[in-house]
Amino acid sequence: MAKSAISSKTLPTIPLQPTADEQAHAGACQAKATVEEPRTISYPLRTGGSLTSTCPSWCTTDHSDDVARGINPGDLLHQGDAVSLDYGVDGVEQSILQARIAAWPFDADGETTPYVELVPEGRTGVGRICTSPLELAEEIRRVRGHLRALEELADRLAEAQADDHARDHRGDLTPWTSLSHTDLLSMPIAYLLRVFGVTVQESAEIGDKVSVVLGGEPGDMLLLVHPSLAQHVREDETRTALLSWYEARNGGRRD
């Protein structure tokens, strides 16, 4: 390739300009670097003088009150964002299972290592201190066990509501008319089949593209199921078919 006849000494080369995407990425990186820059703060000491300390990268505490009122060194607390399970009761927000990383950098007893505090319920002011990732992992296993127990409890609730519905509509010729959309989503599929009077029959003739076919009217309905379907898929598809029937009959979803 021939050299340009114009010397770079007489006409400086123009550097490549970044594209809009590159500029945006660079700006985001710069902003991120600015946000993550450790904060160094000077705190007035109540005994006189000042204390200059750099927040760890995970600290999101404002510290403005500490600066305004002054502190004792042992009172300086670094905290990260809270991880919590929140819910509302009668318009009041409650928080359970709150956890956050924290550290007392000038603790009088020398316990300056970061830790995680688990607060089961905020109003008690009582927490469980996890001083190592292993302790926190054990608490995580406990929480997972609790969630599994809640799932089992939800299944028992569905069974209890089905039993309650059966008692309330014993002898009723049209028990399905009192079922809501939520009932069809949650009640055991075996009970729904009984309430709707559904006969289940395997059939390979419905085709490979269709899992189940539901026909007839409540009290005398026929559900054709492809033989290849696993049990959990059969249940899911049957529930979907019943919901479709319900929504079509009621002109759309209604709880």
C-alpha atoms as a PDB file:
ATOM      1  CA  MET A   1       0.000   0.000   0.000  1.00  0.00           C
ATOM      2  CA  ALA A   2       1.416   3.400  -1.027  1.00  0.00           C
ATOM      3  CA  LYS A   3       2.343   5.908   1.668  1.00  0.00           C
ATOM      4  CA  SER A   4       0.322   9.077   1.914  1.00  0.00           C
ATOM      5  CA  ALA A   5       1.984  12.080   0.345  1.00  0.00           C
ATOM      6  CA  ILE A   6       0.824  14.286   3.213  1.00  0.00           C
ATOM      7  CA  SER A   7       3.279  14.275   6.072  1.00  0.00           C
ATOM      8  CA  SER A   8       1.869  13.741   9.541  1.00  0.00           C
ATOM      9  CA  LYS A   9       4.041  16.682  10.594  1.00  0.00           C
ATOM     10  CA  THR A  10       2.074  19.098   8.440  1.00  0.00           C
ATOM     11  CA  LEU A  11      -1.363  17.531   9.057  1.00  0.00           C
ATOM     12  CA  PRO A  12      -1.711  15.749  12.398  1.00  0.00           C
ATOM     13  CA  THR A  13      -3.725  12.573  12.267  1.00  0.00           C
ATOM     14  CA  ILE A  14      -7.241  12.775  13.717  1.00  0.00           C
ATOM     15  CA  PRO A  15      -7.754  10.183  16.453  1.00  0.00           C
ATOM     16  CA  LEU A  16     -10.651   7.797  16.040  1.00  0.00           C
ATOM     17  CA  GLN A  17     -13.742   9.122  17.786  1.00  0.00           C
ATOM     18  CA  PRO A  18     -15.659   6.722  20.020  1.00  0.00           C
ATOM     19  CA  THR A  19     -19.081   5.626  18.897  1.00  0.00           C
ATOM     20  CA  ALA A  20     -22.192   6.541  20.856  1.00  0.00           C
ATOM     21  CA  ASP A  21     -22.263   3.079  22.420  1.00  0.00           C
ATOM     22  CA  GLU A  22     -18.614   3.312  23.388  1.00  0.00           C
ATOM     23  CA  GLN A  23     -19.187   6.757  24.910  1.00  0.00           C
ATOM     24  CA  ALA A  24     -22.165   5.467  26.883  1.00  0.00           C
ATOM     25  CA  HIS A  25     -20.161   2.471  28.104  1.00  0.00           C
ATOM     26  CA  ALA A  26     -17.258   4.683  29.094  1.00  0.00           C
ATOM     27  CA  GLY A  27     -19.627   7.020  30.926  1.00  0.00           C
ATOM     28  CA  ALA A  28     -21.221   4.111  32.775  1.00  0.00           C
ATOM     29  CA  CYS A  29     -17.821   2.754  33.747  1.00  0.00           C
ATOM     30  CA  GLN A  30     -16.754   6.183  34.969  1.00  0.00           C
ATOM     31  CA  ALA A  31     -19.975   6.599  36.951  1.00  0.00           C
ATOM     32  CA  LYS A  32     -19.537   3.145  38.440  1.00  0.00           C
ATOM     33  CA  ALA A  33     -15.978   3.930  39.415  1.00  0.00           C
ATOM     34  CA  THR A  34     -17.200   7.143  41.044  1.00  0.00           C
ATOM     35  CA  VAL A  35     -19.894   5.321  43.011  1.00  0.00           C
ATOM     36  CA  GLU A  36     -17.525   2.607  44.163  1.00  0.00           C
ATOM     37  CA  GLU A  37     -14.797   5.034  45.213  1.00  0.00           C
ATOM     38  CA  PRO A  38     -14.272   4.526  48.973  1.00  0.00           C
ATOM     39  CA  ARG A  39     -15.538   7.420  51.059  1.00  0.00           C
ATOM     40  CA  THR A  40     -13.146   9.009  53.506  1.00  0.00           C
ATOM     41  CA  ILE A  41     -14.996  10.946  56.196  1.00  0.00           C
ATOM     42  CA  SER A  42     -13.810  13.085  59.099  1.00  0.00           C
ATOM     43  CA  TYR A  43     -15.929  12.698  62.226  1.00  0.00           C
ATOM     44  CA  PRO A  44     -15.865  15.208  65.103  1.00  0.00           C
ATOM     45  CA  LEU A  45     -15.039  13.396  68.337  1.00  0.00           C
ATOM     46  CA  ARG A  46     -17.142  14.181  71.376  1.00  0.00           C
ATOM     47  CA  THR A  47     -14.008  14.278  73.472  1.00  0.00           C
ATOM     48  CA  GLY A  48     -12.390  16.778  71.108  1.00  0.00           C
ATOM     49  CA  GLY A  49     -10.460  16.478  67.885  1.00  0.00           C
ATOM     50  CA  SER A  50     -11.557  14.415  64.915  1.00  0.00           C
ATOM     51  CA  LEU A  51     -11.360  10.908  63.499  1.00  0.00           C
ATOM     52  CA  THR A  52     -10.784  10.285  59.796  1.00  0.00           C
ATOM     53  CA  SER A  53     -11.923   6.901  58.526  1.00  0.00           C
ATOM     54  CA  THR A  54     -12.481   5.356  55.103  1.00  0.00           C
ATOM     55  CA  CYS A  55     -15.695   3.413  54.595  1.00  0.00           C
ATOM     56  CA  PRO A  56     -15.321  -0.119  53.204  1.00  0.00           C
ATOM     57  CA  SER A  57     -16.620  -0.568  49.656  1.00  0.00           C
ATOM     58  CA  TRP A  58     -19.798  -2.312  50.849  1.00  0.00           C
ATOM     59  CA  CYS A  59     -20.813   0.413  53.324  1.00  0.00           C
ATOM     60  CA  THR A  60     -23.920   2.325  52.252  1.00  0.00           C
ATOM     61  CA  THR A  61     -24.527   4.121  55.568  1.00  0.00           C
ATOM     62  CA  ASP A  62     -25.047   7.865  55.196  1.00  0.00           C
ATOM     63  CA  HIS A  63     -22.982   8.792  58.302  1.00  0.00           C
ATOM     64  CA  SER A  64     -24.313  12.377  58.101  1.00  0.00           C
ATOM     65  CA  ASP A  65     -25.778  12.102  61.616  1.00  0.00           C
ATOM     66  CA  ASP A  66     -22.417  10.900  62.916  1.00  0.00           C
ATOM     67  CA  VAL A  67     -20.739  13.949  61.386  1.00  0.00           C
ATOM     68  CA  ALA A  68     -23.417  16.331  62.666  1.00  0.00           C
ATOM     69  CA  ARG A  69     -23.522  15.065  66.257  1.00  0.00           C
ATOM     70  CA  GLY A  70     -20.006  13.768  66.724  1.00  0.00           C
ATOM     71  CA  ILE A  71     -19.068  10.271  67.853  1.00  0.00           C
ATOM     72  CA  ASN A  72     -16.912   8.221  70.111  1.00  0.00           C
ATOM     73  CA  PRO A  73     -14.602   5.975  68.042  1.00  0.00           C
ATOM     74  CA  GLY A  74     -16.290   2.826  69.313  1.00  0.00           C
ATOM     75  CA  ASP A  75     -19.683   4.086  68.082  1.00  0.00           C
ATOM     76  CA  LEU A  76     -18.715   4.152  64.402  1.00  0.00           C
ATOM     77  CA  LEU A  77     -20.726   1.499  62.576  1.00  0.00           C
ATOM     78  CA  HIS A  78     -20.448   0.555  58.903  1.00  0.00           C
ATOM     79  CA  GLN A  79     -23.482  -1.174  57.370  1.00  0.00           C
ATOM     80  CA  GLY A  80     -24.419  -2.411  53.904  1.00  0.00           C
ATOM     81  CA  ASP A  81     -27.847  -2.543  52.286  1.00  0.00           C
ATOM     82  CA  ALA A  82     -30.390  -4.727  54.053  1.00  0.00           C
ATOM     83  CA  VAL A  83     -31.598  -7.956  52.485  1.00  0.00           C
ATOM     84  CA  SER A  84     -35.063  -8.621  53.862  1.00  0.00           C
ATOM     85  CA  LEU A  85     -38.422 -10.265  53.342  1.00  0.00           C
ATOM     86  CA  ASP A  86     -41.048  -7.540  53.603  1.00  0.00           C
ATOM     87  CA  TYR A  87     -44.823  -7.709  53.753  1.00  0.00           C
ATOM     88  CA  GLY A  88     -47.695  -5.376  54.532  1.00  0.00           C
ATOM     89  CA  VAL A  89     -50.368  -5.852  57.195  1.00  0.00           C
ATOM     90  CA  ASP A  90     -53.259  -3.359  57.338  1.00  0.00           C
ATOM     91  CA  GLY A  91     -51.177  -0.830  55.445  1.00  0.00           C
ATOM     92  CA  VAL A  92     -48.181  -1.213  57.769  1.00  0.00           C
ATOM     93  CA  GLU A  93     -44.925  -2.483  56.289  1.00  0.00           C
ATOM     94  CA  GLN A  94     -43.240  -5.216  58.293  1.00  0.00           C
ATOM     95  CA  SER A  95     -39.890  -6.858  57.746  1.00  0.00           C
ATOM     96  CA  ILE A  96     -38.679 -10.336  58.679  1.00  0.00           C
ATOM     97  CA  LEU A  97     -35.467 -12.232  58.009  1.00  0.00           C
ATOM     98  CA  GLN A  98     -33.534  -9.005  57.565  1.00  0.00           C
ATOM     99  CA  ALA A  99     -29.795  -9.369  57.090  1.00  0.00           C
ATOM    100  CA  ARG A 100     -26.946  -6.994  56.386  1.00  0.00           C
ATOM    101  CA  ILE A 101     -23.182  -6.898  56.553  1.00  0.00           C
ATOM    102  CA  ALA A 102     -21.750  -4.680  59.268  1.00  0.00           C
ATOM    103  CA  ALA A 103     -18.545  -3.832  61.116  1.00  0.00           C
ATOM    104  CA  TRP A 104     -17.404  -1.738  64.084  1.00  0.00           C
ATOM    105  CA  PRO A 105     -13.932  -0.621  62.967  1.00  0.00           C
ATOM    106  CA  PHE A 106     -12.968   0.795  66.377  1.00  0.00           C
ATOM    107  CA  ASP A 107     -14.702  -1.714  68.640  1.00  0.00           C
ATOM    108  CA  ALA A 108     -13.395  -1.470  72.183  1.00  0.00           C
ATOM    109  CA  ASP A 109     -13.103  -5.265  72.442  1.00  0.00           C
ATOM    110  CA  GLY A 110     -11.223  -5.551  69.162  1.00  0.00           C
ATOM    111  CA  GLU A 111     -14.099  -7.264  67.313  1.00  0.00           C
ATOM    112  CA  THR A 112     -13.554  -5.311  64.111  1.00  0.00           C
ATOM    113  CA  THR A 113     -14.095  -8.110  61.552  1.00  0.00           C
ATOM    114  CA  PRO A 114     -17.138  -7.690  59.249  1.00  0.00           C
ATOM    115  CA  TYR A 115     -20.094  -9.920  60.114  1.00  0.00           C
ATOM    116  CA  VAL A 116     -23.705 -10.471  59.069  1.00  0.00           C
ATOM    117  CA  GLU A 117     -26.558  -9.862  61.489  1.00  0.00           C
ATOM    118  CA  LEU A 118     -29.829 -11.714  60.982  1.00  0.00           C
ATOM    119  CA  VAL A 119     -32.879 -10.001  62.486  1.00  0.00           C
ATOM    120  CA  PRO A 120     -35.859 -12.399  62.562  1.00  0.00           C
ATOM    121  CA  GLU A 121     -38.390  -9.614  63.213  1.00  0.00           C
ATOM    122  CA  GLY A 122     -37.429  -5.972  63.233  1.00  0.00           C
ATOM    123  CA  ARG A 123     -39.475  -4.796  66.231  1.00  0.00           C
ATOM    124  CA  THR A 124     -37.736  -7.189  68.643  1.00  0.00           C
ATOM    125  CA  GLY A 125     -34.347  -5.558  68.197  1.00  0.00           C
ATOM    126  CA  VAL A 126     -32.796  -9.011  68.645  1.00  0.00           C
ATOM    127  CA  GLY A 127     -30.481 -10.450  66.022  1.00  0.00           C
ATOM    128  CA  ARG A 128     -28.351 -13.501  65.289  1.00  0.00           C
ATOM    129  CA  ILE A 129     -24.715 -12.644  64.602  1.00  0.00           C
ATOM    130  CA  CYS A 130     -22.945 -14.724  61.944  1.00  0.00           C
ATOM    131  CA  THR A 131     -19.227 -14.140  62.149  1.00  0.00           C
ATOM    132  CA  SER A 132     -18.269 -16.373  59.233  1.00  0.00           C
ATOM    133  CA  PRO A 133     -19.679 -17.441  55.854  1.00  0.00           C
ATOM    134  CA  LEU A 134     -20.049 -20.968  57.284  1.00  0.00           C
ATOM    135  CA  GLU A 135     -22.377 -19.742  60.018  1.00  0.00           C
ATOM    136  CA  LEU A 136     -24.393 -17.788  57.461  1.00  0.00           C
ATOM    137  CA  ALA A 137     -24.555 -20.868  55.205  1.00  0.00           C
ATOM    138  CA  GLU A 138     -26.043 -22.842  58.106  1.00  0.00           C
ATOM    139  CA  GLU A 139     -28.723 -20.179  58.557  1.00  0.00           C
ATOM    140  CA  ILE A 140     -29.417 -20.283  54.809  1.00  0.00           C
ATOM    141  CA  ARG A 141     -29.993 -24.047  55.072  1.00  0.00           C
ATOM    142  CA  ARG A 142     -32.407 -23.415  57.935  1.00  0.00           C
ATOM    143  CA  VAL A 143     -34.316 -20.851  55.862  1.00  0.00           C
ATOM    144  CA  ARG A 144     -34.467 -23.222  52.881  1.00  0.00           C
ATOM    145  CA  GLY A 145     -35.870 -25.895  55.181  1.00  0.00           C
ATOM    146  CA  HIS A 146     -38.472 -23.392  56.381  1.00  0.00           C
ATOM    147  CA  LEU A 147     -39.442 -22.601  52.785  1.00  0.00           C
ATOM    148  CA  ARG A 148     -39.845 -26.317  52.017  1.00  0.00           C
ATOM    149  CA  ALA A 149     -42.065 -26.604  55.084  1.00  0.00           C
ATOM    150  CA  LEU A 150     -44.124 -23.652  53.825  1.00  0.00           C
ATOM    151  CA  GLU A 151     -44.549 -25.405  50.462  1.00  0.00           C
ATOM    152  CA  GLU A 152     -45.818 -28.495  52.269  1.00  0.00           C
ATOM    153  CA  LEU A 153     -48.114 -26.276  54.314  1.00  0.00           C
ATOM    154  CA  ALA A 154     -49.501 -24.773  51.093  1.00  0.00           C
ATOM    155  CA  ASP A 155     -50.303 -28.298  49.875  1.00  0.00           C
ATOM    156  CA  ARG A 156     -52.064 -29.058  53.146  1.00  0.00           C
ATOM    157  CA  LEU A 157     -53.999 -25.799  52.838  1.00  0.00           C
ATOM    158  CA  ALA A 158     -55.162 -26.791  49.357  1.00  0.00           C
ATOM    159  CA  GLU A 159     -56.337 -30.161  50.720  1.00  0.00           C
ATOM    160  CA  ALA A 160     -58.074 -28.461  53.658  1.00  0.00           C
ATOM    161  CA  GLN A 161     -59.923 -26.039  51.381  1.00  0.00           C
ATOM    162  CA  ALA A 162     -60.978 -28.898  49.105  1.00  0.00           C
ATOM    163  CA  ASP A 163     -62.310 -30.813  52.128  1.00  0.00           C
ATOM    164  CA  ASP A 164     -64.142 -27.690  53.290  1.00  0.00           C
ATOM    165  CA  HIS A 165     -65.674 -27.197  49.843  1.00  0.00           C
ATOM    166  CA  ALA A 166     -66.767 -30.823  49.744  1.00  0.00           C
ATOM    167  CA  ARG A 167     -68.505 -30.514  53.141  1.00  0.00           C
ATOM    168  CA  ASP A 168     -70.259 -27.288  52.201  1.00  0.00           C
ATOM    169  CA  HIS A 169     -71.565 -28.723  48.927  1.00  0.00           C
ATOM    170  CA  ARG A 170     -72.362 -32.286  49.954  1.00  0.00           C
ATOM    171  CA  GLY A 171     -75.351 -33.379  47.882  1.00  0.00           C
ATOM    172  CA  ASP A 172     -75.078 -30.349  45.580  1.00  0.00           C
ATOM    173  CA  LEU A 173     -75.678 -31.342  41.964  1.00  0.00           C
ATOM    174  CA  THR A 174     -73.611 -28.457  40.607  1.00  0.00           C
ATOM    175  CA  PRO A 175     -70.675 -28.017  43.054  1.00  0.00           C
ATOM    176  CA  TRP A 176     -68.437 -26.568  40.332  1.00  0.00           C
ATOM    177  CA  THR A 177     -70.492 -23.377  40.132  1.00  0.00           C
ATOM    178  CA  SER A 178     -69.097 -22.211  43.480  1.00  0.00           C
ATOM    179  CA  LEU A 179     -65.446 -22.671  42.465  1.00  0.00           C
ATOM    180  CA  SER A 180     -63.411 -19.537  41.771  1.00  0.00           C
ATOM    181  CA  HIS A 181     -60.514 -19.023  39.430  1.00  0.00           C
ATOM    182  CA  THR A 182     -58.211 -19.190  42.446  1.00  0.00           C
ATOM    183  CA  ASP A 183     -59.771 -22.522  43.470  1.00  0.00           C
ATOM    184  CA  LEU A 184     -58.986 -23.965  40.061  1.00  0.00           C
ATOM    185  CA  LEU A 185     -55.422 -22.746  40.370  1.00  0.00           C
ATOM    186  CA  SER A 186     -54.824 -24.149  43.836  1.00  0.00           C
ATOM    187  CA  MET A 187     -57.083 -27.072  44.725  1.00  0.00           C
ATOM    188  CA  PRO A 188     -55.769 -30.631  44.206  1.00  0.00           C
ATOM    189  CA  ILE A 189     -56.364 -31.770  40.656  1.00  0.00           C
ATOM    190  CA  ALA A 190     -57.902 -35.058  41.849  1.00  0.00           C
ATOM    191  CA  TYR A 191     -60.607 -33.130  43.714  1.00  0.00           C
ATOM    192  CA  LEU A 192     -61.310 -30.869  40.740  1.00  0.00           C
ATOM    193  CA  LEU A 193     -61.765 -33.907  38.490  1.00  0.00           C
ATOM    194  CA  ARG A 194     -64.263 -35.306  40.988  1.00  0.00           C
ATOM    195  CA  VAL A 195     -66.156 -32.024  41.328  1.00  0.00           C
ATOM    196  CA  PHE A 196     -66.423 -31.539  37.555  1.00  0.00           C
ATOM    197  CA  GLY A 197     -67.318 -35.183  36.991  1.00  0.00           C
ATOM    198  CA  VAL A 198     -64.377 -35.791  34.649  1.00  0.00           C
ATOM    199  CA  THR A 199     -63.570 -39.235  33.280  1.00  0.00           C
ATOM    200  CA  VAL A 200     -59.921 -39.615  32.275  1.00  0.00           C
ATOM    201  CA  GLN A 201     -59.003 -41.775  29.305  1.00  0.00           C
ATOM    202  CA  GLU A 202     -55.652 -42.301  27.579  1.00  0.00           C
ATOM    203  CA  SER A 203     -55.663 -41.849  23.818  1.00  0.00           C
ATOM    204  CA  ALA A 204     -52.805 -41.728  21.340  1.00  0.00           C
ATOM    205  CA  GLU A 205     -55.226 -40.562  18.655  1.00  0.00           C
ATOM    206  CA  ILE A 206     -55.315 -36.960  19.896  1.00  0.00           C
ATOM    207  CA  GLY A 207     -51.966 -36.381  18.144  1.00  0.00           C
ATOM    208  CA  ASP A 208     -48.442 -35.564  19.247  1.00  0.00           C
ATOM    209  CA  LYS A 209     -49.034 -31.796  19.276  1.00  0.00           C
ATOM    210  CA  VAL A 210     -51.869 -31.969  21.783  1.00  0.00           C
ATOM    211  CA  SER A 211     -51.324 -33.153  25.364  1.00  0.00           C
ATOM    212  CA  VAL A 212     -54.910 -33.315  26.602  1.00  0.00           C
ATOM    213  CA  VAL A 213     -58.381 -32.711  25.194  1.00  0.00           C
ATOM    214  CA  LEU A 214     -61.275 -31.815  27.492  1.00  0.00           C
ATOM    215  CA  GLY A 215     -64.843 -32.079  26.279  1.00  0.00           C
ATOM    216  CA  GLY A 216     -68.406 -32.347  27.502  1.00  0.00           C
ATOM    217  CA  GLU A 217     -70.208 -30.508  30.262  1.00  0.00           C
ATOM    218  CA  PRO A 218     -69.579 -30.554  34.026  1.00  0.00           C
ATOM    219  CA  GLY A 219     -70.951 -33.709  35.548  1.00  0.00           C
ATOM    220  CA  ASP A 220     -70.177 -35.642  32.379  1.00  0.00           C
ATOM    221  CA  MET A 221     -66.810 -34.500  31.024  1.00  0.00           C
ATOM    222  CA  LEU A 222     -64.225 -36.587  29.172  1.00  0.00           C
ATOM    223  CA  LEU A 223     -60.502 -35.866  29.371  1.00  0.00           C
ATOM    224  CA  LEU A 224     -58.357 -37.527  26.718  1.00  0.00           C
ATOM    225  CA  VAL A 225     -54.700 -37.755  27.740  1.00  0.00           C
ATOM    226  CA  HIS A 226     -51.769 -38.758  25.551  1.00  0.00           C
ATOM    227  CA  PRO A 227     -50.176 -41.926  27.013  1.00  0.00           C
ATOM    228  CA  SER A 228     -46.646 -40.521  26.770  1.00  0.00           C
ATOM    229  CA  LEU A 229     -47.276 -37.738  29.299  1.00  0.00           C
ATOM    230  CA  ALA A 230     -45.565 -37.870  32.689  1.00  0.00           C
ATOM    231  CA  GLN A 231     -47.884 -37.586  35.682  1.00  0.00           C
ATOM    232  CA  HIS A 232     -46.891 -34.043  36.661  1.00  0.00           C
ATOM    233  CA  VAL A 233     -47.389 -32.888  33.052  1.00  0.00           C
ATOM    234  CA  ARG A 234     -50.806 -34.540  32.968  1.00  0.00           C
ATOM    235  CA  GLU A 235     -51.820 -32.657  36.083  1.00  0.00           C
ATOM    236  CA  ASP A 236     -50.526 -29.318  34.777  1.00  0.00           C
ATOM    237  CA  GLU A 237     -52.214 -29.735  31.406  1.00  0.00           C
ATOM    238  CA  THR A 238     -55.465 -30.882  33.002  1.00  0.00           C
ATOM    239  CA  ARG A 239     -55.513 -27.822  35.260  1.00  0.00           C
ATOM    240  CA  THR A 240     -54.859 -25.602  32.235  1.00  0.00           C
ATOM    241  CA  ALA A 241     -57.751 -27.244  30.356  1.00  0.00           C
ATOM    242  CA  LEU A 242     -60.141 -26.718  33.273  1.00  0.00           C
ATOM    243  CA  LEU A 243     -59.071 -23.077  33.582  1.00  0.00           C
ATOM    244  CA  SER A 244     -59.658 -22.546  29.862  1.00  0.00           C
ATOM    245  CA  TRP A 245     -63.129 -24.046  30.183  1.00  0.00           C
ATOM    246  CA  TYR A 246     -63.854 -21.856  33.218  1.00  0.00           C
ATOM    247  CA  GLU A 247     -62.717 -18.653  31.522  1.00  0.00           C
ATOM    248  CA  ALA A 248     -64.642 -19.443  28.339  1.00  0.00           C
ATOM    249  CA  ARG A 249     -67.783 -20.180  30.332  1.00  0.00           C
ATOM    250  CA  ASN A 250     -67.496 -17.003  32.413  1.00  0.00           C
ATOM    251  CA  GLY A 251     -66.412 -14.683  29.628  1.00  0.00           C
ATOM    252  CA  GLY A 252     -62.825 -14.332  30.837  1.00  0.00           C
ATOM    253  CA  ARG A 253     -60.990 -14.692  34.098  1.00  0.00           C
ATOM    254  CA  ARG A 254     -62.978 -13.945  37.241  1.00  0.00           C
ATOM    255  CA  ASP A 255     -61.914 -14.563  40.814  1.00  0.00           C
END
